[in-house]
Structures are given as C-alpha cells and as structure tokens.
Amino acid sequence: MKQHRIPTFHALGPTGRRLAAPLLALAVTGCVNGAGLPAAADYAAEIVSLGEAEGPPDGPVEACWQSDSRAVAVAPPPADPAPAEGEADAAPAATETIWFRAPCPAELTPEVIATLQRALAVRALYGGEVTGEIDEQTRAAIRAWQSARGLDSGQLSLAAARDLGLVAIATEDL
C-alpha cells in the first residue's frame, strides 16, 4: 500500500507559502464563512436615524451622506368592539428617513459606475448592459447586495462601495 504524504505549510517552499499565506491567514482569523467566501459585512451598523431632526448627521468633515426612507412598524390602534362591515383593521404605514455614508458624487464617475455594474454582474445581481450610469436595474442590484447585509436601499453606501472594491478603505477604518 502506497502512502501519500500531505505537505505541511513549511514544506510548500517559498512560492507555495507566498500563495497560501493569505488564504491561511483568512481561515485562521475567521474572516471566511463555511463556503470559503469573505463574511458578509453588517451595513445596518452604518445607519443613522435622526428621528425628527433634519439631516445629514454630524460626522467627519469631508464625509458624504445619502438618505433613504424605510418603513417603520406602527402599533395598531386599539380595536373597536364592533368594526363596521368592510372596514379593515390595517395598521397605519409610517416611514422614517435614514442616513448612511456614501461615496461622494465626484467619486462616482462613469468608470466607477461601470465597475460597480460589472462587480454586481459577477455576483449574479445585475444582468443589464454596462453603461456607466445608475439606472433602475443598477439600483435594484445595489439594493439586493446591500439588503442582504442589513441596508435595504438602492442608494450606494460607502460600506458597499468599499466591499465591492470601488473606493479605497481609509487607514483609520482598518
């Protein structure tokens, strides 16, 4: 019976170690999920709600902010003892404005938007033409990417732009 020897990390040689080291570091630090993919970020942590106050929020001096609205659960009014026939017991709908950091408009060049469309396409979220313009199909793909990470918005967040490799990550964020 022939034995097969599984090489250790150090037995891979300099080139093998150079290629394997980043993957090993990710696996050891727990930065990958069971499928070997980077863990999804939680964009919900980036959301700022100002309540009744006007925005944008106070923040870094050169930061750009984007707003969107989201549905808010409202407690239904107390039930009438005998509602009239055909009257619905629907809770009133309410929305609140949320704010989150976004790439500044000067950063969203047609080239960057085209790269965004390609990045979403390789993730099977965007099936349109690469136009370099944010259209409804691009917004739907942005929403799909971000909502899986806690931000249900078709407006591109800075966190998503960083995760997709569209903008640099500031050293203070590391």
C-alpha atoms as a PDB file:
ATOM      1  CA  MET A   1       0.000   0.000   0.000  1.00  0.00           C
ATOM      2  CA  LYS A   2       1.442   3.323  -1.073  1.00  0.00           C
ATOM      3  CA  GLN A   3       1.379   6.156   1.455  1.00  0.00           C
ATOM      4  CA  HIS A   4       0.640   9.733   0.429  1.00  0.00           C
ATOM      5  CA  ARG A   5       2.341  12.475   2.332  1.00  0.00           C
ATOM      6  CA  ILE A   6       0.393  15.709   2.797  1.00  0.00           C
ATOM      7  CA  PRO A   7       2.863  18.591   2.776  1.00  0.00           C
ATOM      8  CA  THR A   8       2.941  20.961   5.723  1.00  0.00           C
ATOM      9  CA  PHE A   9       2.823  24.723   5.257  1.00  0.00           C
ATOM     10  CA  HIS A  10       6.611  24.991   5.548  1.00  0.00           C
ATOM     11  CA  ALA A  11       7.152  22.162   3.067  1.00  0.00           C
ATOM     12  CA  LEU A  12       5.380  24.168   0.344  1.00  0.00           C
ATOM     13  CA  GLY A  13       8.527  26.140  -0.414  1.00  0.00           C
ATOM     14  CA  PRO A  14       8.806  29.938  -0.713  1.00  0.00           C
ATOM     15  CA  THR A  15       6.448  30.308  -3.677  1.00  0.00           C
ATOM     16  CA  GLY A  16       3.806  27.994  -2.233  1.00  0.00           C
ATOM     17  CA  ARG A  17       3.949  29.731   1.148  1.00  0.00           C
ATOM     18  CA  ARG A  18       3.594  33.125  -0.519  1.00  0.00           C
ATOM     19  CA  LEU A  19       0.490  31.931  -2.362  1.00  0.00           C
ATOM     20  CA  ALA A  20      -1.037  30.030   0.566  1.00  0.00           C
ATOM     21  CA  ALA A  21      -0.304  32.522   3.362  1.00  0.00           C
ATOM     22  CA  PRO A  22      -3.181  34.963   2.657  1.00  0.00           C
ATOM     23  CA  LEU A  23      -5.725  32.133   2.470  1.00  0.00           C
ATOM     24  CA  LEU A  24      -4.396  30.554   5.631  1.00  0.00           C
ATOM     25  CA  ALA A  25      -4.498  33.902   7.433  1.00  0.00           C
ATOM     26  CA  LEU A  26      -8.141  34.420   6.444  1.00  0.00           C
ATOM     27  CA  ALA A  27      -9.128  30.936   7.564  1.00  0.00           C
ATOM     28  CA  VAL A  28      -7.300  31.201  10.886  1.00  0.00           C
ATOM     29  CA  THR A  29      -8.755  34.616  11.744  1.00  0.00           C
ATOM     30  CA  GLY A  30     -12.289  33.515  10.957  1.00  0.00           C
ATOM     31  CA  CYS A  31     -12.782  36.054   8.164  1.00  0.00           C
ATOM     32  CA  VAL A  32     -14.300  33.498   5.842  1.00  0.00           C
ATOM     33  CA  ASN A  33     -17.542  31.607   6.090  1.00  0.00           C
ATOM     34  CA  GLY A  34     -18.014  27.892   5.538  1.00  0.00           C
ATOM     35  CA  ALA A  35     -18.049  28.351   1.758  1.00  0.00           C
ATOM     36  CA  GLY A  36     -14.612  29.978   1.800  1.00  0.00           C
ATOM     37  CA  LEU A  37     -16.044  33.393   0.935  1.00  0.00           C
ATOM     38  CA  PRO A  38     -15.496  36.595   2.888  1.00  0.00           C
ATOM     39  CA  ALA A  39     -18.064  37.014   5.631  1.00  0.00           C
ATOM     40  CA  ALA A  40     -20.841  39.476   4.741  1.00  0.00           C
ATOM     41  CA  ALA A  41     -20.497  42.830   6.441  1.00  0.00           C
ATOM     42  CA  ASP A  42     -23.319  44.276   8.533  1.00  0.00           C
ATOM     43  CA  TYR A  43     -24.269  47.557   6.861  1.00  0.00           C
ATOM     44  CA  ALA A  44     -27.080  48.126   9.383  1.00  0.00           C
ATOM     45  CA  ALA A  45     -24.401  49.335  11.799  1.00  0.00           C
ATOM     46  CA  GLU A  46     -23.779  52.243   9.392  1.00  0.00           C
ATOM     47  CA  ILE A  47     -27.389  53.533   9.514  1.00  0.00           C
ATOM     48  CA  VAL A  48     -28.057  56.775  11.374  1.00  0.00           C
ATOM     49  CA  SER A  49     -31.621  57.734  12.220  1.00  0.00           C
ATOM     50  CA  LEU A  50     -32.100  61.317  13.372  1.00  0.00           C
ATOM     51  CA  GLY A  51     -35.736  60.944  14.353  1.00  0.00           C
ATOM     52  CA  GLU A  52     -37.466  64.261  13.703  1.00  0.00           C
ATOM     53  CA  ALA A  53     -34.211  66.219  13.251  1.00  0.00           C
ATOM     54  CA  GLU A  54     -33.141  67.365   9.820  1.00  0.00           C
ATOM     55  CA  GLY A  55     -30.060  65.734   8.298  1.00  0.00           C
ATOM     56  CA  PRO A  56     -27.454  64.964   7.277  1.00  0.00           C
ATOM     57  CA  PRO A  57     -25.860  63.832  10.517  1.00  0.00           C
ATOM     58  CA  ASP A  58     -22.802  65.436  12.003  1.00  0.00           C
ATOM     59  CA  GLY A  59     -19.798  63.413  11.066  1.00  0.00           C
ATOM     60  CA  PRO A  60     -16.374  63.570   9.530  1.00  0.00           C
ATOM     61  CA  VAL A  61     -15.831  66.935   7.850  1.00  0.00           C
ATOM     62  CA  GLU A  62     -15.324  65.581   4.337  1.00  0.00           C
ATOM     63  CA  ALA A  63     -17.897  62.775   4.604  1.00  0.00           C
ATOM     64  CA  CYS A  64     -20.717  62.483   2.098  1.00  0.00           C
ATOM     65  CA  TRP A  65     -24.091  61.194   3.254  1.00  0.00           C
ATOM     66  CA  GLN A  66     -27.046  59.627   1.482  1.00  0.00           C
ATOM     67  CA  SER A  67     -30.600  59.435   2.763  1.00  0.00           C
ATOM     68  CA  ASP A  68     -33.354  56.964   2.094  1.00  0.00           C
ATOM     69  CA  SER A  69     -36.602  56.093   3.766  1.00  0.00           C
ATOM     70  CA  ARG A  70     -37.708  52.842   5.289  1.00  0.00           C
ATOM     71  CA  ALA A  71     -40.950  51.520   6.662  1.00  0.00           C
ATOM     72  CA  VAL A  72     -41.414  51.667  10.392  1.00  0.00           C
ATOM     73  CA  ALA A  73     -43.706  49.361  12.313  1.00  0.00           C
ATOM     74  CA  VAL A  74     -46.529  51.259  13.972  1.00  0.00           C
ATOM     75  CA  ALA A  75     -48.633  49.758  16.712  1.00  0.00           C
ATOM     76  CA  PRO A  76     -52.217  49.364  15.508  1.00  0.00           C
ATOM     77  CA  PRO A  77     -54.845  51.448  17.262  1.00  0.00           C
ATOM     78  CA  PRO A  78     -56.981  49.670  19.847  1.00  0.00           C
ATOM     79  CA  ALA A  79     -59.560  47.513  18.120  1.00  0.00           C
ATOM     80  CA  ASP A  80     -63.122  48.795  18.016  1.00  0.00           C
ATOM     81  CA  PRO A  81     -65.538  46.468  19.756  1.00  0.00           C
ATOM     82  CA  ALA A  82     -67.548  46.067  16.545  1.00  0.00           C
ATOM     83  CA  PRO A  83     -65.891  47.451  13.375  1.00  0.00           C
ATOM     84  CA  ALA A  84     -68.242  48.449  10.592  1.00  0.00           C
ATOM     85  CA  GLU A  85     -68.753  45.965   7.801  1.00  0.00           C
ATOM     86  CA  GLY A  86     -65.998  46.180   5.164  1.00  0.00           C
ATOM     87  CA  GLU A  87     -63.732  48.238   7.473  1.00  0.00           C
ATOM     88  CA  ALA A  88     -60.144  46.986   7.568  1.00  0.00           C
ATOM     89  CA  ASP A  89     -58.045  46.718  10.727  1.00  0.00           C
ATOM     90  CA  ALA A  90     -54.867  47.791   8.914  1.00  0.00           C
ATOM     91  CA  ALA A  91     -52.094  49.469  10.870  1.00  0.00           C
ATOM     92  CA  PRO A  92     -51.128  52.898   9.529  1.00  0.00           C
ATOM     93  CA  ALA A  93     -47.975  52.923   7.420  1.00  0.00           C
ATOM     94  CA  ALA A  94     -45.108  55.108   8.555  1.00  0.00           C
ATOM     95  CA  THR A  95     -41.640  55.814   7.230  1.00  0.00           C
ATOM     96  CA  GLU A  96     -38.509  57.290   8.681  1.00  0.00           C
ATOM     97  CA  THR A  97     -35.538  58.877   6.997  1.00  0.00           C
ATOM     98  CA  ILE A  98     -32.269  57.065   7.476  1.00  0.00           C
ATOM     99  CA  TRP A  99     -28.783  58.326   6.677  1.00  0.00           C
ATOM    100  CA  PHE A 100     -25.612  56.453   5.814  1.00  0.00           C
ATOM    101  CA  ARG A 101     -22.175  57.348   4.495  1.00  0.00           C
ATOM    102  CA  ALA A 102     -21.921  57.225   0.719  1.00  0.00           C
ATOM    103  CA  PRO A 103     -19.234  57.767  -1.889  1.00  0.00           C
ATOM    104  CA  CYS A 104     -19.022  61.469  -2.732  1.00  0.00           C
ATOM    105  CA  PRO A 105     -20.508  62.431  -6.117  1.00  0.00           C
ATOM    106  CA  ALA A 106     -17.064  63.252  -7.537  1.00  0.00           C
ATOM    107  CA  GLU A 107     -16.033  59.628  -6.904  1.00  0.00           C
ATOM    108  CA  LEU A 108     -18.967  58.183  -8.860  1.00  0.00           C
ATOM    109  CA  THR A 109     -17.533  58.664 -12.324  1.00  0.00           C
ATOM    110  CA  PRO A 110     -18.933  56.682 -15.266  1.00  0.00           C
ATOM    111  CA  GLU A 111     -15.877  54.406 -14.984  1.00  0.00           C
ATOM    112  CA  VAL A 112     -16.574  53.665 -11.307  1.00  0.00           C
ATOM    113  CA  ILE A 113     -20.265  53.055 -12.020  1.00  0.00           C
ATOM    114  CA  ALA A 114     -19.338  50.704 -14.877  1.00  0.00           C
ATOM    115  CA  THR A 115     -17.054  48.845 -12.468  1.00  0.00           C
ATOM    116  CA  LEU A 116     -19.945  48.699  -9.975  1.00  0.00           C
ATOM    117  CA  GLN A 117     -22.186  47.188 -12.649  1.00  0.00           C
ATOM    118  CA  ARG A 118     -19.541  44.594 -13.525  1.00  0.00           C
ATOM    119  CA  ALA A 119     -18.983  43.774  -9.831  1.00  0.00           C
ATOM    120  CA  LEU A 120     -22.713  43.233  -9.338  1.00  0.00           C
ATOM    121  CA  ALA A 121     -22.928  41.221 -12.573  1.00  0.00           C
ATOM    122  CA  VAL A 122     -20.248  38.723 -11.484  1.00  0.00           C
ATOM    123  CA  ARG A 123     -22.284  38.256  -8.293  1.00  0.00           C
ATOM    124  CA  ALA A 124     -25.355  37.457 -10.451  1.00  0.00           C
ATOM    125  CA  LEU A 125     -27.209  40.565  -9.237  1.00  0.00           C
ATOM    126  CA  TYR A 126     -27.047  42.716 -12.368  1.00  0.00           C
ATOM    127  CA  GLY A 127     -27.968  41.497 -15.829  1.00  0.00           C
ATOM    128  CA  GLY A 128     -28.111  44.755 -17.732  1.00  0.00           C
ATOM    129  CA  GLU A 129     -25.684  46.474 -20.037  1.00  0.00           C
ATOM    130  CA  VAL A 130     -22.580  48.068 -18.565  1.00  0.00           C
ATOM    131  CA  THR A 131     -23.445  51.707 -19.246  1.00  0.00           C
ATOM    132  CA  GLY A 132     -21.630  53.643 -16.532  1.00  0.00           C
ATOM    133  CA  GLU A 133     -24.965  55.154 -15.473  1.00  0.00           C
ATOM    134  CA  ILE A 134     -27.014  54.279 -12.413  1.00  0.00           C
ATOM    135  CA  ASP A 135     -30.416  53.235 -13.727  1.00  0.00           C
ATOM    136  CA  GLU A 136     -33.301  51.316 -12.133  1.00  0.00           C
ATOM    137  CA  GLN A 137     -31.715  47.930 -12.855  1.00  0.00           C
ATOM    138  CA  THR A 138     -28.455  49.070 -11.232  1.00  0.00           C
ATOM    139  CA  ARG A 139     -30.365  50.385  -8.193  1.00  0.00           C
ATOM    140  CA  ALA A 140     -32.208  47.060  -7.877  1.00  0.00           C
ATOM    141  CA  ALA A 141     -28.867  45.215  -7.898  1.00  0.00           C
ATOM    142  CA  ILE A 142     -27.411  47.626  -5.318  1.00  0.00           C
ATOM    143  CA  ARG A 143     -30.494  47.043  -3.130  1.00  0.00           C
ATOM    144  CA  ALA A 144     -30.120  43.259  -3.452  1.00  0.00           C
ATOM    145  CA  TRP A 145     -26.437  43.428  -2.440  1.00  0.00           C
ATOM    146  CA  GLN A 146     -26.989  45.797   0.465  1.00  0.00           C
ATOM    147  CA  SER A 147     -30.251  44.357   1.817  1.00  0.00           C
ATOM    148  CA  ALA A 148     -28.528  41.004   2.314  1.00  0.00           C
ATOM    149  CA  ARG A 149     -26.179  42.958   4.599  1.00  0.00           C
ATOM    150  CA  GLY A 150     -28.771  44.915   6.577  1.00  0.00           C
ATOM    151  CA  LEU A 151     -29.267  48.070   4.484  1.00  0.00           C
ATOM    152  CA  ASP A 152     -32.405  47.957   2.345  1.00  0.00           C
ATOM    153  CA  SER A 153     -31.595  50.789  -0.048  1.00  0.00           C
ATOM    154  CA  GLY A 154     -30.911  51.222  -3.741  1.00  0.00           C
ATOM    155  CA  GLN A 155     -28.592  54.131  -2.930  1.00  0.00           C
ATOM    156  CA  LEU A 156     -24.951  53.013  -2.878  1.00  0.00           C
ATOM    157  CA  SER A 157     -23.423  53.132   0.594  1.00  0.00           C
ATOM    158  CA  LEU A 158     -19.760  53.732   1.312  1.00  0.00           C
ATOM    159  CA  ALA A 159     -19.596  50.351   3.061  1.00  0.00           C
ATOM    160  CA  ALA A 160     -20.868  48.576  -0.066  1.00  0.00           C
ATOM    161  CA  ALA A 161     -18.539  50.571  -2.319  1.00  0.00           C
ATOM    162  CA  ARG A 162     -15.611  49.510  -0.138  1.00  0.00           C
ATOM    163  CA  ASP A 163     -16.705  45.863  -0.021  1.00  0.00           C
ATOM    164  CA  LEU A 164     -17.034  45.802  -3.801  1.00  0.00           C
ATOM    165  CA  GLY A 165     -13.573  47.343  -4.211  1.00  0.00           C
ATOM    166  CA  LEU A 166     -14.822  50.593  -5.765  1.00  0.00           C
ATOM    167  CA  VAL A 167     -13.264  53.016  -3.264  1.00  0.00           C
ATOM    168  CA  ALA A 168     -10.235  52.809  -1.043  1.00  0.00           C
ATOM    169  CA  ILE A 169     -10.538  51.878   2.595  1.00  0.00           C
ATOM    170  CA  ALA A 170      -9.270  54.658   4.821  1.00  0.00           C
ATOM    171  CA  THR A 171      -6.423  53.622   7.085  1.00  0.00           C
ATOM    172  CA  GLU A 172      -8.344  54.780  10.167  1.00  0.00           C
ATOM    173  CA  ASP A 173     -11.035  52.200   9.270  1.00  0.00           C
ATOM    174  CA  LEU A 174      -8.578  49.288   9.428  1.00  0.00           C
END
